Amino acid sequence: MPETLADYRSLFLNAVPMMDVRAPVEFAQGAFPGVVNRPLMDDGERQQVGTCYKQQGQQAAIALGHTLVSGATKRARIAAWAAFAQAHPDGVLYCFRGGLRSQIVQQWLQGEAGIAYPRVEGGYKAMRGFLLQTTQEAAAQCAFHVLSGLTGTGKTEVLAALAGGLDLEGHANHRGSSFGARATAQPAQIDFENRLAVDILRQRAGGQHRFVVEDEGRHVGTCSVPLELRLRLEQVPLVCLTDSFEARVDRILQDYVVQQAADFVAVHGAEQGAERFEARLLESLARLAKRLGGAQYQLLQGVMREALAAQRDTGRVDGHRDWIAVLMREYYDPMYAYQRQSRAARVVFEGDRAAVLDYLRERLAAR
């Protein structure tokens, strides 16, 4: 097994198990899909070593690091690295730049546990650069269609049925509207970008060079669409998905009420999950208060509270249809109509689910 690896493309395409030995605070700021954090130093130790480096230089900092990570602490960390290496003999380890920290982990694994384990040359920084380039190249080289449509038409479902669908909402863990926050947190911006890039890389490696992306604008919740991709998507053809008003209300009810409530209960337990779901729904409506106007907001808030009380007491959710229908007719549909008019020249097709799927599959298969 080589001491270092630098084939970043192969690492991501083959989902090679990776052990990130950076400090937890670094890992939380951005990491790669499926990677496990097994740090050489914890956050406090890293801070002490960093301060020492600034005040006394590299050698003093290295000496302090060896003092801080010694004895039982050192043995525990080597044991954690060894457990990962034994569970993933085909894996790799890395630090930020592929330098001293990953070299120390590699040496200690070899010397103390008898395990030869490769590290990634260039570390996190080099792999992150590779993924940024992957998205930039796709934006420049690939063909795209943007899937648009009124709220509740099922755009995400259509994307899932397409080879070449890029699910920005899935990677951002957000449904993309004022009500789109999920029961679990969104990823950090860097994590979102990395997930998207790996998806693009794997699809292109499989021969896919035409993609469909849902009409999201600049942001998906707190995650920003990468600039190069966003600028490209502002220029490409639009395909508009249609469905009946009743079907759209049903879909919104299922996604944003029934499924959302179940997700909160699954994450937080029955009592706390129900409370958090109700609070989240009311908070989402409150974000629209200024745009709706005071009287309209107060009316819809009252309808929503009644629907939540009925859901809590009886399990019935039909009451939610009332506020959903009003929001669609008086807020979301007019907003979509305005946006559609401003981009009318880009619309190349409009139809229901079956027609749109046929149209896009034909375009995606084109050479």
Protein backbone atom coordinates (compact mmCIF):
# COMPACT_ATOMS: atom_id res chain seq x y z
CA MET A 1 0.00 0.00 0.00
CA PRO A 2 1.49 3.39 -0.99
CA GLU A 3 2.41 5.85 1.75
CA THR A 4 0.57 8.72 0.00
CA LEU A 5 -2.29 8.93 -2.49
CA ALA A 6 -3.15 11.84 -4.77
CA ASP A 7 -5.81 10.42 -7.10
CA TYR A 8 -8.68 12.52 -5.73
CA ARG A 9 -11.02 11.51 -8.52
CA SER A 10 -10.65 7.83 -7.65
CA LEU A 11 -11.08 8.51 -3.93
CA PHE A 12 -14.49 10.12 -4.46
CA LEU A 13 -15.71 7.91 -7.29
CA ASN A 14 -15.00 4.77 -5.30
CA ALA A 15 -16.27 6.19 -1.98
CA VAL A 16 -12.96 5.26 -0.34
CA PRO A 17 -13.35 5.38 3.47
CA MET A 18 -11.57 8.46 4.83
CA MET A 19 -10.40 9.38 8.30
CA ASP A 20 -10.12 13.11 8.90
CA VAL A 21 -7.54 13.83 11.63
CA ARG A 22 -8.19 17.57 11.82
CA ALA A 23 -9.62 19.07 15.00
CA PRO A 24 -13.41 18.84 15.48
CA VAL A 25 -13.87 22.58 14.91
CA GLU A 26 -12.22 22.28 11.49
CA PHE A 27 -14.30 19.23 10.62
CA ALA A 28 -17.52 21.03 11.56
CA GLN A 29 -16.69 23.88 9.17
CA GLY A 30 -16.60 21.52 6.21
CA ALA A 31 -15.98 17.87 5.38
CA PHE A 32 -16.67 15.27 2.72
CA PRO A 33 -19.65 12.89 2.53
CA GLY A 34 -19.28 9.85 4.77
CA VAL A 35 -15.94 10.90 6.28
CA VAL A 36 -15.22 10.11 9.95
CA ASN A 37 -13.43 12.57 12.26
CA ARG A 38 -10.70 10.97 14.41
CA PRO A 39 -8.58 13.98 15.42
CA LEU A 40 -4.93 14.06 16.40
CA MET A 41 -5.72 17.01 18.69
CA ASP A 42 -8.98 18.21 20.16
CA ASP A 43 -10.00 21.86 19.80
CA GLY A 44 -8.35 23.01 23.02
CA GLU A 45 -5.08 21.27 22.27
CA ARG A 46 -5.03 22.67 18.75
CA GLN A 47 -5.59 26.17 20.08
CA GLN A 48 -2.73 25.84 22.56
CA VAL A 49 -0.38 24.55 19.88
CA GLY A 50 -1.41 27.32 17.50
CA THR A 51 -0.74 30.00 20.13
CA CYS A 52 2.64 28.45 20.90
CA TYR A 53 3.53 28.39 17.20
CA LYS A 54 2.81 32.13 16.87
CA GLN A 55 4.76 33.04 19.99
CA GLN A 56 7.65 30.58 20.01
CA GLY A 57 7.86 28.97 16.56
CA GLN A 58 7.39 25.56 14.99
CA GLN A 59 9.72 23.45 17.09
CA ALA A 60 8.23 24.64 20.38
CA ALA A 61 4.74 24.04 19.02
CA ILE A 62 5.62 20.50 17.95
CA ALA A 63 7.13 19.79 21.37
CA LEU A 64 3.99 21.09 23.10
CA GLY A 65 1.81 18.95 20.84
CA HIS A 66 3.73 15.82 21.80
CA THR A 67 3.35 16.76 25.48
CA LEU A 68 -0.39 17.35 25.19
CA VAL A 69 -1.00 14.15 23.22
CA SER A 70 0.91 11.62 25.27
CA GLY A 71 0.36 8.81 27.73
CA ALA A 72 -3.23 7.60 28.01
CA THR A 73 -4.47 10.29 25.60
CA LYS A 74 -2.08 9.14 22.92
CA ARG A 75 -2.94 5.48 23.46
CA ALA A 76 -6.67 6.20 23.21
CA ARG A 77 -6.27 8.09 19.96
CA ILE A 78 -4.04 5.46 18.41
CA ALA A 79 -6.62 2.86 19.38
CA ALA A 80 -9.35 4.88 17.64
CA TRP A 81 -7.25 5.23 14.48
CA ALA A 82 -6.36 1.56 14.53
CA ALA A 83 -10.02 0.58 14.90
CA PHE A 84 -10.90 2.67 11.85
CA ALA A 85 -8.01 1.25 9.84
CA GLN A 86 -8.90 -2.32 10.74
CA ALA A 87 -12.56 -1.73 9.87
CA HIS A 88 -11.55 -0.03 6.60
CA PRO A 89 -8.31 -1.58 5.34
CA ASP A 90 -8.86 0.09 1.95
CA GLY A 91 -9.20 3.57 3.50
CA VAL A 92 -7.01 6.64 3.82
CA LEU A 93 -6.33 9.41 6.32
CA TYR A 94 -5.76 13.11 5.85
CA CYS A 95 -5.27 16.42 7.66
CA PHE A 96 -5.64 19.94 6.30
CA ARG A 97 -2.70 20.08 3.90
CA GLY A 98 -1.43 16.51 4.07
CA GLY A 99 1.44 17.67 6.24
CA LEU A 100 2.67 17.20 9.77
CA ARG A 101 -0.52 16.06 11.49
CA SER A 102 -1.33 13.29 9.04
CA GLN A 103 2.32 12.26 8.96
CA ILE A 104 2.36 11.93 12.76
CA VAL A 105 -0.83 9.85 12.75
CA GLN A 106 0.61 7.69 10.00
CA GLN A 107 3.88 7.19 11.89
CA TRP A 108 2.19 6.41 15.20
CA LEU A 109 -0.15 3.92 13.55
CA GLN A 110 2.83 2.17 11.99
CA GLY A 111 5.07 2.32 15.05
CA GLU A 112 2.56 1.66 17.83
CA ALA A 113 -0.11 -0.47 16.13
CA GLY A 114 1.85 -2.00 13.25
CA ILE A 115 -0.57 -0.64 10.65
CA ALA A 116 0.67 0.92 7.41
CA TYR A 117 -2.06 3.31 6.35
CA PRO A 118 -1.86 5.79 3.46
CA ARG A 119 -2.45 9.52 3.77
CA VAL A 120 -3.83 11.84 1.14
CA GLU A 121 -1.23 14.07 -0.46
CA GLY A 122 -2.32 17.69 -0.18
CA GLY A 123 -4.96 16.73 2.38
CA TYR A 124 -8.35 18.34 2.76
CA LYS A 125 -7.31 21.54 0.98
CA ALA A 126 -6.32 19.73 -2.22
CA MET A 127 -9.44 17.54 -2.26
CA ARG A 128 -11.67 20.55 -1.62
CA GLY A 129 -10.00 22.35 -4.52
CA PHE A 130 -10.61 19.34 -6.75
CA LEU A 131 -14.33 19.34 -5.92
CA LEU A 132 -14.68 23.07 -6.49
CA GLN A 133 -13.09 22.57 -9.90
CA THR A 134 -15.47 19.68 -10.60
CA THR A 135 -18.53 21.93 -10.18
CA GLN A 136 -16.94 24.77 -12.14
CA GLU A 137 -16.10 22.46 -15.05
CA ALA A 138 -19.61 21.00 -15.09
CA ALA A 139 -21.13 24.48 -15.17
CA ALA A 140 -18.95 25.34 -18.17
CA GLN A 141 -19.06 22.05 -20.07
CA CYS A 142 -22.43 20.37 -19.44
CA ALA A 143 -25.92 21.04 -20.78
CA PHE A 144 -28.64 22.02 -18.30
CA HIS A 145 -32.39 22.46 -18.09
CA VAL A 146 -34.10 24.15 -15.15
CA LEU A 147 -37.33 22.54 -13.95
CA SER A 148 -39.81 25.19 -12.87
CA GLY A 149 -43.45 25.13 -11.87
CA LEU A 150 -45.98 26.32 -9.32
CA THR A 151 -45.54 25.35 -5.69
CA GLY A 152 -46.71 21.78 -5.08
CA THR A 153 -46.42 20.44 -8.63
CA GLY A 154 -43.95 17.75 -7.53
CA LYS A 155 -40.74 19.00 -9.11
CA THR A 156 -38.54 17.05 -6.69
CA GLU A 157 -40.40 13.84 -7.57
CA VAL A 158 -39.74 14.43 -11.27
CA LEU A 159 -36.05 15.07 -10.60
CA ALA A 160 -35.82 11.79 -8.71
CA ALA A 161 -37.23 9.95 -11.73
CA LEU A 162 -34.59 11.33 -14.09
CA ALA A 163 -31.07 10.21 -14.87
CA GLY A 164 -29.23 13.51 -14.73
CA GLY A 165 -31.33 15.04 -11.97
CA LEU A 166 -29.31 17.18 -9.54
CA ASP A 167 -31.29 17.48 -6.30
CA LEU A 168 -30.07 20.73 -4.74
CA GLU A 169 -32.78 20.52 -2.07
CA GLY A 170 -31.67 17.02 -1.13
CA HIS A 171 -28.04 18.05 -0.78
CA ALA A 172 -29.08 21.14 1.21
CA ASN A 173 -31.55 19.17 3.39
CA HIS A 174 -34.21 21.81 2.75
CA ARG A 175 -37.36 21.96 0.63
CA GLY A 176 -36.47 25.36 -0.74
CA SER A 177 -39.34 27.58 0.45
CA SER A 178 -40.23 29.59 3.54
CA PHE A 179 -41.72 26.36 4.91
CA GLY A 180 -38.86 24.18 3.67
CA ALA A 181 -36.76 23.70 6.81
CA ARG A 182 -36.58 20.05 7.87
CA ALA A 183 -36.48 18.41 11.28
CA THR A 184 -32.70 18.01 11.03
CA ALA A 185 -30.22 20.83 10.46
CA GLN A 186 -28.91 21.93 7.10
CA PRO A 187 -25.29 21.13 6.27
CA ALA A 188 -22.57 23.76 6.42
CA GLN A 189 -22.14 25.62 3.13
CA ILE A 190 -18.91 23.75 2.38
CA ASP A 191 -20.56 20.40 3.08
CA PHE A 192 -23.39 21.30 0.70
CA GLU A 193 -20.93 22.23 -2.04
CA ASN A 194 -18.92 19.05 -1.49
CA ARG A 195 -22.00 16.80 -1.63
CA LEU A 196 -23.15 18.44 -4.84
CA ALA A 197 -19.70 18.15 -6.44
CA VAL A 198 -19.40 14.45 -5.59
CA ASP A 199 -22.84 13.86 -7.11
CA ILE A 200 -21.80 15.66 -10.30
CA LEU A 201 -18.48 13.82 -10.43
CA ARG A 202 -20.12 10.40 -10.14
CA GLN A 203 -22.83 11.17 -12.68
CA ARG A 204 -20.32 12.48 -15.21
CA ALA A 205 -18.10 9.45 -14.66
CA GLY A 206 -21.13 7.33 -15.53
CA GLY A 207 -21.51 9.14 -18.83
CA GLN A 208 -24.07 11.75 -17.83
CA HIS A 209 -23.31 15.20 -19.27
CA ARG A 210 -26.82 16.67 -19.38
CA PHE A 211 -28.52 17.68 -16.16
CA VAL A 212 -31.84 18.93 -14.81
CA VAL A 213 -31.92 21.20 -11.75
CA GLU A 214 -34.95 22.50 -9.90
CA ASP A 215 -35.64 26.23 -10.07
CA GLU A 216 -34.16 27.40 -6.77
CA GLY A 217 -32.75 30.91 -7.15
CA ARG A 218 -29.65 31.87 -5.21
CA HIS A 219 -30.30 30.00 -1.99
CA VAL A 220 -31.76 26.73 -0.74
CA GLY A 221 -32.50 27.65 2.85
CA THR A 222 -29.17 28.82 4.27
CA CYS A 223 -27.13 27.12 1.54
CA SER A 224 -26.03 29.18 -1.45
CA VAL A 225 -25.93 27.65 -4.92
CA PRO A 226 -22.28 27.76 -6.14
CA LEU A 227 -21.76 30.97 -8.11
CA GLU A 228 -20.57 29.45 -11.39
CA LEU A 229 -23.48 27.02 -11.43
CA ARG A 230 -26.03 29.67 -10.47
CA LEU A 231 -24.87 32.02 -13.23
CA ARG A 232 -25.14 29.21 -15.75
CA LEU A 233 -28.61 28.21 -14.59
CA GLU A 234 -29.83 31.77 -15.09
CA GLN A 235 -29.23 31.34 -18.84
CA VAL A 236 -30.45 27.82 -19.64
CA PRO A 237 -33.88 26.61 -20.93
CA LEU A 238 -36.82 26.40 -18.54
CA VAL A 239 -39.26 23.48 -18.45
CA CYS A 240 -42.49 24.17 -16.56
CA LEU A 241 -44.35 21.43 -14.69
CA THR A 242 -48.11 21.72 -14.23
CA ASP A 243 -50.69 20.02 -12.01
CA SER A 244 -54.21 20.72 -10.76
CA PHE A 245 -54.74 23.06 -7.81
CA GLU A 246 -56.28 20.24 -5.77
CA ALA A 247 -53.37 17.91 -6.40
CA ARG A 248 -50.95 20.65 -5.44
CA VAL A 249 -52.76 21.29 -2.15
CA ASP A 250 -52.69 17.55 -1.43
CA ARG A 251 -48.97 17.36 -2.12
CA ILE A 252 -48.17 20.36 0.09
CA LEU A 253 -50.32 18.89 2.86
CA GLN A 254 -48.49 15.57 2.64
CA ASP A 255 -44.96 17.02 2.42
CA TYR A 256 -45.11 20.01 4.74
CA VAL A 257 -47.61 18.77 7.32
CA VAL A 258 -47.98 14.99 7.45
CA GLN A 259 -44.40 14.03 6.58
CA GLN A 260 -42.87 16.98 8.38
CA ALA A 261 -44.74 16.14 11.59
CA ALA A 262 -43.61 12.50 11.32
CA ASP A 263 -40.01 13.60 10.77
CA PHE A 264 -40.02 15.79 13.88
CA VAL A 265 -41.46 12.96 15.97
CA ALA A 266 -38.84 10.53 14.61
CA VAL A 267 -36.01 12.91 15.53
CA HIS A 268 -37.25 14.38 18.83
CA GLY A 269 -39.81 11.92 20.19
CA ALA A 270 -43.60 12.12 20.27
CA GLU A 271 -44.22 15.01 22.69
CA GLN A 272 -41.24 17.23 21.94
CA GLY A 273 -41.41 16.43 18.23
CA ALA A 274 -45.04 17.55 18.00
CA GLU A 275 -44.23 20.77 19.86
CA ARG A 276 -41.27 21.55 17.63
CA PHE A 277 -43.25 20.82 14.49
CA GLU A 278 -45.99 23.24 15.53
CA ALA A 279 -43.47 25.93 16.44
CA ARG A 280 -41.63 25.49 13.13
CA LEU A 281 -44.84 25.78 11.10
CA LEU A 282 -45.88 28.96 12.90
CA GLU A 283 -42.38 30.43 12.54
CA SER A 284 -42.44 29.71 8.80
CA LEU A 285 -45.70 31.59 8.41
CA ALA A 286 -44.36 34.49 10.52
CA ARG A 287 -41.53 34.96 8.00
CA LEU A 288 -44.14 35.93 5.44
CA ALA A 289 -45.99 38.36 7.73
CA LYS A 290 -44.72 41.56 6.07
CA ARG A 291 -45.41 40.31 2.56
CA LEU A 292 -48.87 39.05 3.47
CA GLY A 293 -49.89 42.17 5.35
CA GLY A 294 -51.00 42.33 8.95
CA ALA A 295 -54.66 41.41 8.50
CA GLN A 296 -53.98 38.49 6.14
CA TYR A 297 -51.22 37.17 8.36
CA GLN A 298 -53.38 37.28 11.49
CA LEU A 299 -56.18 35.48 9.66
CA LEU A 300 -53.91 32.71 8.37
CA GLN A 301 -52.20 32.35 11.73
CA GLY A 302 -55.59 31.76 13.35
CA VAL A 303 -56.52 29.15 10.73
CA MET A 304 -53.16 27.43 11.18
CA ARG A 305 -53.48 27.35 14.97
CA GLU A 306 -56.93 25.77 14.68
CA ALA A 307 -55.60 23.18 12.24
CA LEU A 308 -52.67 22.38 14.54
CA ALA A 309 -55.01 21.98 17.51
CA ALA A 310 -57.20 19.57 15.55
CA GLN A 311 -54.15 17.64 14.41
CA ARG A 312 -52.87 17.43 17.97
CA ASP A 313 -56.22 16.41 19.48
CA THR A 314 -57.64 14.11 16.79
CA GLY A 315 -54.87 13.42 14.30
CA ARG A 316 -56.94 15.00 11.50
CA VAL A 317 -55.03 17.26 9.13
CA ASP A 318 -57.76 18.47 6.74
CA GLY A 319 -57.89 21.85 8.46
CA HIS A 320 -54.48 22.67 7.07
CA ARG A 321 -55.89 22.73 3.54
CA ASP A 322 -57.47 26.11 4.22
CA TRP A 323 -54.31 28.08 4.96
CA ILE A 324 -52.37 26.14 2.30
CA ALA A 325 -54.93 27.06 -0.37
CA VAL A 326 -54.95 30.74 0.59
CA LEU A 327 -51.15 30.97 0.61
CA MET A 328 -50.95 29.34 -2.80
CA ARG A 329 -53.63 31.51 -4.43
CA GLU A 330 -52.62 34.82 -2.89
CA TYR A 331 -48.86 34.52 -2.38
CA TYR A 332 -47.00 31.70 -4.10
CA ASP A 333 -48.96 31.54 -7.37
CA PRO A 334 -48.78 35.31 -8.08
CA MET A 335 -45.07 35.32 -7.26
CA TYR A 336 -44.49 32.43 -9.69
CA ALA A 337 -46.58 34.16 -12.37
CA TYR A 338 -44.42 37.28 -12.09
CA GLN A 339 -41.20 35.28 -12.31
CA ARG A 340 -42.54 33.24 -15.19
CA GLN A 341 -43.42 36.39 -17.15
CA SER A 342 -39.97 37.88 -16.62
CA ARG A 343 -38.36 34.70 -18.01
CA ALA A 344 -40.93 33.79 -20.66
CA ALA A 345 -38.35 33.74 -23.45
CA ARG A 346 -36.51 30.87 -21.77
CA VAL A 347 -39.52 28.54 -21.47
CA VAL A 348 -39.12 25.70 -23.99
CA PHE A 349 -41.79 23.27 -22.73
CA GLU A 350 -44.76 23.08 -20.37
CA GLY A 351 -46.81 20.07 -19.39
CA ASP A 352 -47.93 17.62 -16.72
CA ARG A 353 -45.69 15.06 -15.04
CA ALA A 354 -45.85 12.45 -17.82
CA ALA A 355 -45.26 14.98 -20.59
CA VAL A 356 -42.40 16.70 -18.78
CA LEU A 357 -40.71 13.38 -18.01
CA ASP A 358 -40.93 12.34 -21.66
CA TYR A 359 -39.57 15.68 -22.84
CA LEU A 360 -36.66 15.77 -20.41
CA ARG A 361 -35.70 12.12 -20.89
CA GLU A 362 -35.44 12.75 -24.59
CA ARG A 363 -33.21 15.79 -24.01
CA LEU A 364 -31.06 14.01 -21.43
CA ALA A 365 -30.47 11.12 -23.79
CA ALA A 366 -29.43 13.38 -26.68
CA ARG A 367 -25.80 13.35 -27.80
